[in-house]
N, C-alpha and C. Protein backbone atom coordinates (compact mmCIF):
# COMPACT_ATOMS: atom_id res chain seq x y z
N MET A 1 2.28 8.11 -12.98
CA MET A 1 1.81 7.76 -11.67
C MET A 1 0.76 6.72 -11.63
N PRO A 2 0.81 5.92 -10.61
CA PRO A 2 -0.28 4.84 -10.55
C PRO A 2 -1.49 5.33 -10.19
N GLY A 3 -2.60 4.61 -10.34
CA GLY A 3 -3.97 5.15 -10.06
C GLY A 3 -4.18 5.03 -8.49
N TYR A 4 -4.99 6.06 -8.08
CA TYR A 4 -5.27 6.05 -6.74
C TYR A 4 -6.48 5.24 -6.37
N TRP A 5 -6.45 4.74 -5.16
CA TRP A 5 -7.54 3.89 -4.65
C TRP A 5 -8.92 4.47 -4.67
N GLN A 6 -9.03 5.90 -4.61
CA GLN A 6 -10.31 6.53 -4.61
C GLN A 6 -10.93 6.48 -5.96
N ASN A 7 -10.17 6.24 -6.97
CA ASN A 7 -10.76 6.17 -8.43
C ASN A 7 -11.20 4.72 -8.70
N GLU A 8 -10.87 3.64 -7.82
CA GLU A 8 -11.21 2.28 -8.05
C GLU A 8 -12.64 2.20 -8.11
N ILE A 9 -13.16 1.32 -9.15
CA ILE A 9 -14.53 1.07 -8.99
C ILE A 9 -14.92 -0.39 -8.61
N GLY A 10 -13.84 -1.19 -8.46
CA GLY A 10 -14.04 -2.61 -8.05
C GLY A 10 -14.74 -2.57 -6.64
N PRO A 11 -15.16 -3.86 -6.14
CA PRO A 11 -15.88 -3.94 -4.85
C PRO A 11 -14.87 -4.22 -3.64
N ASP A 12 -13.69 -4.24 -3.85
CA ASP A 12 -12.69 -4.76 -2.72
C ASP A 12 -11.81 -3.72 -2.17
N LEU A 13 -11.08 -2.91 -3.03
CA LEU A 13 -10.04 -2.02 -2.62
C LEU A 13 -10.65 -0.91 -1.86
N ARG A 14 -11.53 -0.05 -2.29
CA ARG A 14 -12.12 1.00 -1.66
C ARG A 14 -12.45 0.76 -0.19
N PRO A 15 -13.46 -0.15 -0.07
CA PRO A 15 -13.95 -0.66 1.32
C PRO A 15 -12.72 -0.96 2.23
N ALA A 16 -11.77 -1.65 1.73
CA ALA A 16 -10.58 -2.14 2.51
C ALA A 16 -9.81 -0.89 2.97
N ILE A 17 -9.38 0.10 2.06
CA ILE A 17 -8.78 1.21 2.52
C ILE A 17 -9.50 2.01 3.44
N MET A 18 -10.77 2.25 3.22
CA MET A 18 -11.68 3.00 4.18
C MET A 18 -11.57 2.43 5.55
N LEU A 19 -11.72 1.13 5.67
CA LEU A 19 -11.65 0.57 6.99
C LEU A 19 -10.29 0.75 7.67
N TYR A 20 -9.33 0.60 6.80
CA TYR A 20 -7.97 0.71 7.36
C TYR A 20 -7.78 2.22 7.85
N LEU A 21 -8.07 3.31 7.07
CA LEU A 21 -8.07 4.61 7.50
C LEU A 21 -8.82 4.90 8.69
N GLU A 22 -9.97 4.30 8.91
CA GLU A 22 -10.89 4.52 10.11
C GLU A 22 -10.27 3.67 11.26
N GLY A 23 -9.22 2.89 11.13
CA GLY A 23 -8.69 2.16 12.11
C GLY A 23 -9.51 0.94 12.65
N LYS A 24 -10.37 0.48 11.79
CA LYS A 24 -11.24 -0.73 12.06
C LYS A 24 -10.44 -1.92 11.55
N PRO A 25 -10.83 -3.13 12.11
CA PRO A 25 -10.24 -4.44 11.71
C PRO A 25 -10.37 -4.77 10.44
N LEU A 26 -9.23 -5.33 9.78
CA LEU A 26 -9.35 -5.88 8.42
C LEU A 26 -9.26 -7.47 8.43
N THR A 27 -9.99 -7.96 7.40
CA THR A 27 -9.82 -9.48 7.26
C THR A 27 -8.53 -9.73 6.58
N PRO A 28 -8.14 -10.97 6.63
CA PRO A 28 -6.90 -11.24 5.74
C PRO A 28 -7.07 -10.97 4.33
N LYS A 29 -8.20 -11.08 3.82
CA LYS A 29 -8.41 -10.76 2.40
C LYS A 29 -8.26 -9.35 2.14
N GLN A 30 -8.80 -8.39 2.98
CA GLN A 30 -8.56 -6.96 2.94
C GLN A 30 -7.15 -6.59 3.03
N VAL A 31 -6.40 -7.23 3.94
CA VAL A 31 -4.98 -6.87 4.10
C VAL A 31 -4.27 -7.26 2.70
N LYS A 32 -4.72 -8.43 2.17
CA LYS A 32 -4.06 -8.78 0.84
C LYS A 32 -4.39 -7.86 -0.32
N VAL A 33 -5.65 -7.34 -0.33
CA VAL A 33 -6.05 -6.41 -1.28
C VAL A 33 -5.26 -5.09 -1.23
N ILE A 34 -4.96 -4.57 0.05
CA ILE A 34 -4.29 -3.49 0.25
C ILE A 34 -2.70 -3.69 -0.11
N GLN A 35 -2.23 -4.85 0.17
CA GLN A 35 -0.92 -5.34 -0.23
C GLN A 35 -0.68 -5.20 -1.73
N LEU A 36 -1.66 -5.79 -2.36
CA LEU A 36 -1.63 -5.90 -3.81
C LEU A 36 -1.58 -4.42 -4.38
N TYR A 37 -2.45 -3.59 -3.82
CA TYR A 37 -2.44 -2.21 -4.22
C TYR A 37 -1.09 -1.39 -4.11
N LEU A 38 -0.67 -1.68 -2.78
CA LEU A 38 0.72 -1.10 -2.55
C LEU A 38 1.71 -1.49 -3.51
N LYS A 39 1.73 -2.82 -3.88
CA LYS A 39 2.69 -3.43 -4.85
C LYS A 39 2.63 -2.72 -6.09
N GLN A 40 1.51 -2.58 -6.67
CA GLN A 40 1.38 -1.94 -7.98
C GLN A 40 1.74 -0.46 -7.97
N TRP A 41 1.54 0.10 -6.79
CA TRP A 41 1.94 1.54 -6.60
C TRP A 41 3.46 1.67 -6.67
N VAL A 42 4.10 0.99 -5.84
CA VAL A 42 5.62 1.04 -5.62
C VAL A 42 6.27 0.42 -6.81
N ASP A 43 5.76 -0.40 -7.51
CA ASP A 43 6.43 -1.09 -8.79
C ASP A 43 6.29 -0.05 -9.90
N ASP A 44 5.50 1.05 -9.84
CA ASP A 44 5.43 1.96 -10.95
C ASP A 44 6.83 2.61 -11.08
N GLY A 45 7.20 2.89 -12.41
CA GLY A 45 8.44 3.51 -12.75
C GLY A 45 8.64 4.93 -12.45
N ALA A 46 7.73 5.64 -11.81
CA ALA A 46 7.82 7.02 -11.53
C ALA A 46 8.68 7.46 -10.43
N TRP A 47 9.12 6.43 -9.65
CA TRP A 47 9.86 6.76 -8.42
C TRP A 47 11.38 6.76 -8.61
N TYR A 48 12.01 7.72 -7.96
CA TYR A 48 13.48 7.91 -8.18
C TYR A 48 14.13 6.70 -7.41
N PRO A 49 15.09 6.06 -7.94
CA PRO A 49 15.78 4.91 -7.23
C PRO A 49 16.42 5.42 -5.95
N GLY A 50 16.54 4.43 -5.08
CA GLY A 50 17.23 4.69 -3.83
C GLY A 50 16.97 3.51 -2.91
N GLU A 51 17.73 3.52 -1.80
CA GLU A 51 17.78 2.51 -0.74
C GLU A 51 16.38 2.25 -0.20
N GLY A 52 15.57 3.34 0.03
CA GLY A 52 14.16 3.22 0.61
C GLY A 52 13.35 2.64 -0.43
N LEU A 53 13.46 3.01 -1.68
CA LEU A 53 12.69 2.48 -2.64
C LEU A 53 12.92 0.93 -2.87
N ASP A 54 14.10 0.51 -2.84
CA ASP A 54 14.57 -0.85 -2.98
C ASP A 54 13.97 -1.57 -1.72
N TRP A 55 13.98 -1.09 -0.55
CA TRP A 55 13.34 -1.78 0.56
C TRP A 55 11.90 -1.93 0.32
N LEU A 56 11.30 -0.82 -0.10
CA LEU A 56 9.87 -0.89 -0.23
C LEU A 56 9.42 -1.96 -1.27
N ARG A 57 10.15 -2.02 -2.37
CA ARG A 57 9.85 -3.02 -3.41
C ARG A 57 10.09 -4.43 -2.91
N ALA A 58 11.14 -4.56 -2.21
CA ALA A 58 11.39 -5.99 -1.61
C ALA A 58 10.38 -6.32 -0.55
N SER A 59 9.93 -5.46 0.30
CA SER A 59 9.24 -5.85 1.44
C SER A 59 7.69 -5.85 1.18
N VAL A 60 7.18 -5.33 0.16
CA VAL A 60 5.84 -5.22 -0.13
C VAL A 60 5.13 -6.55 -0.12
N ASN A 61 5.90 -7.48 -0.65
CA ASN A 61 5.36 -8.82 -0.79
C ASN A 61 5.19 -9.67 0.62
N GLN A 62 5.95 -9.11 1.61
CA GLN A 62 5.88 -9.59 2.96
C GLN A 62 4.79 -9.01 3.70
N ILE A 63 3.96 -8.06 3.28
CA ILE A 63 2.83 -7.46 4.08
C ILE A 63 1.79 -8.55 4.32
N GLY A 64 1.43 -8.75 5.60
CA GLY A 64 0.47 -9.79 5.93
C GLY A 64 -0.40 -9.35 7.09
N SER A 65 -0.15 -8.09 7.65
CA SER A 65 -0.97 -7.64 8.77
C SER A 65 -1.11 -6.07 8.58
N VAL A 66 -2.04 -5.63 9.49
CA VAL A 66 -2.06 -4.08 9.58
C VAL A 66 -0.75 -3.48 10.07
N ASP A 67 -0.21 -4.10 10.93
CA ASP A 67 1.17 -3.58 11.45
C ASP A 67 2.10 -3.44 10.31
N ASP A 68 2.17 -4.49 9.48
CA ASP A 68 3.07 -4.53 8.31
C ASP A 68 2.72 -3.28 7.40
N ILE A 69 1.34 -3.04 7.19
CA ILE A 69 0.95 -2.01 6.26
C ILE A 69 1.52 -0.65 6.81
N GLU A 70 1.31 -0.44 8.14
CA GLU A 70 1.70 0.68 8.85
C GLU A 70 3.29 0.97 8.68
N ARG A 71 3.94 -0.12 8.91
CA ARG A 71 5.40 0.04 8.89
C ARG A 71 5.81 0.31 7.49
N TRP A 72 5.21 -0.25 6.43
CA TRP A 72 5.63 -0.06 5.16
C TRP A 72 5.20 1.35 4.64
N LEU A 73 4.09 1.89 5.13
CA LEU A 73 3.50 3.18 4.75
C LEU A 73 4.43 4.26 5.21
N ALA A 74 5.01 3.94 6.59
CA ALA A 74 5.82 4.90 7.13
C ALA A 74 7.22 5.13 6.35
N VAL A 75 7.75 4.16 5.91
CA VAL A 75 8.85 4.27 4.89
C VAL A 75 8.40 4.84 3.60
N ALA A 76 7.40 4.48 3.07
CA ALA A 76 6.93 5.01 1.84
C ALA A 76 6.74 6.60 2.00
N MET A 77 6.20 7.08 2.99
CA MET A 77 5.96 8.48 3.21
C MET A 77 7.37 9.17 3.36
N ASN A 78 8.25 8.54 4.10
CA ASN A 78 9.63 9.04 4.28
C ASN A 78 10.30 9.31 2.81
N GLU A 79 9.93 8.34 2.00
CA GLU A 79 10.43 8.49 0.55
C GLU A 79 9.68 9.29 -0.35
N GLY A 80 8.63 9.95 0.07
CA GLY A 80 7.84 10.90 -0.78
C GLY A 80 6.86 10.18 -1.55
N ILE A 81 6.53 8.81 -1.17
CA ILE A 81 5.60 8.06 -1.86
C ILE A 81 4.31 7.90 -0.95
N ASP A 82 3.13 8.40 -1.35
CA ASP A 82 1.96 8.59 -0.66
C ASP A 82 0.80 7.92 -1.30
N PRO A 83 0.75 6.51 -1.16
CA PRO A 83 -0.35 5.83 -1.95
C PRO A 83 -1.79 6.10 -1.40
N LEU A 84 -1.84 6.64 -0.26
CA LEU A 84 -3.16 6.83 0.37
C LEU A 84 -3.56 8.26 0.35
């Protein structure tokens, strides 16, 4: 399993996720940091192959906004993938 954001010690990911979870605005850099985290999460080999996983892997690079993050996470949760 990939690492959880709560265990990250770097200066960027944890604050960006906290702001997202609190429903606060994100900068473009924070959206990118979350997008990269979701990419490493979904690219891990721990997940069962399927149409939803294929979509998640293909679409993660297109995340560019909070709305994109929310859409992506909804599909991920439906597939049993909970990176947050």
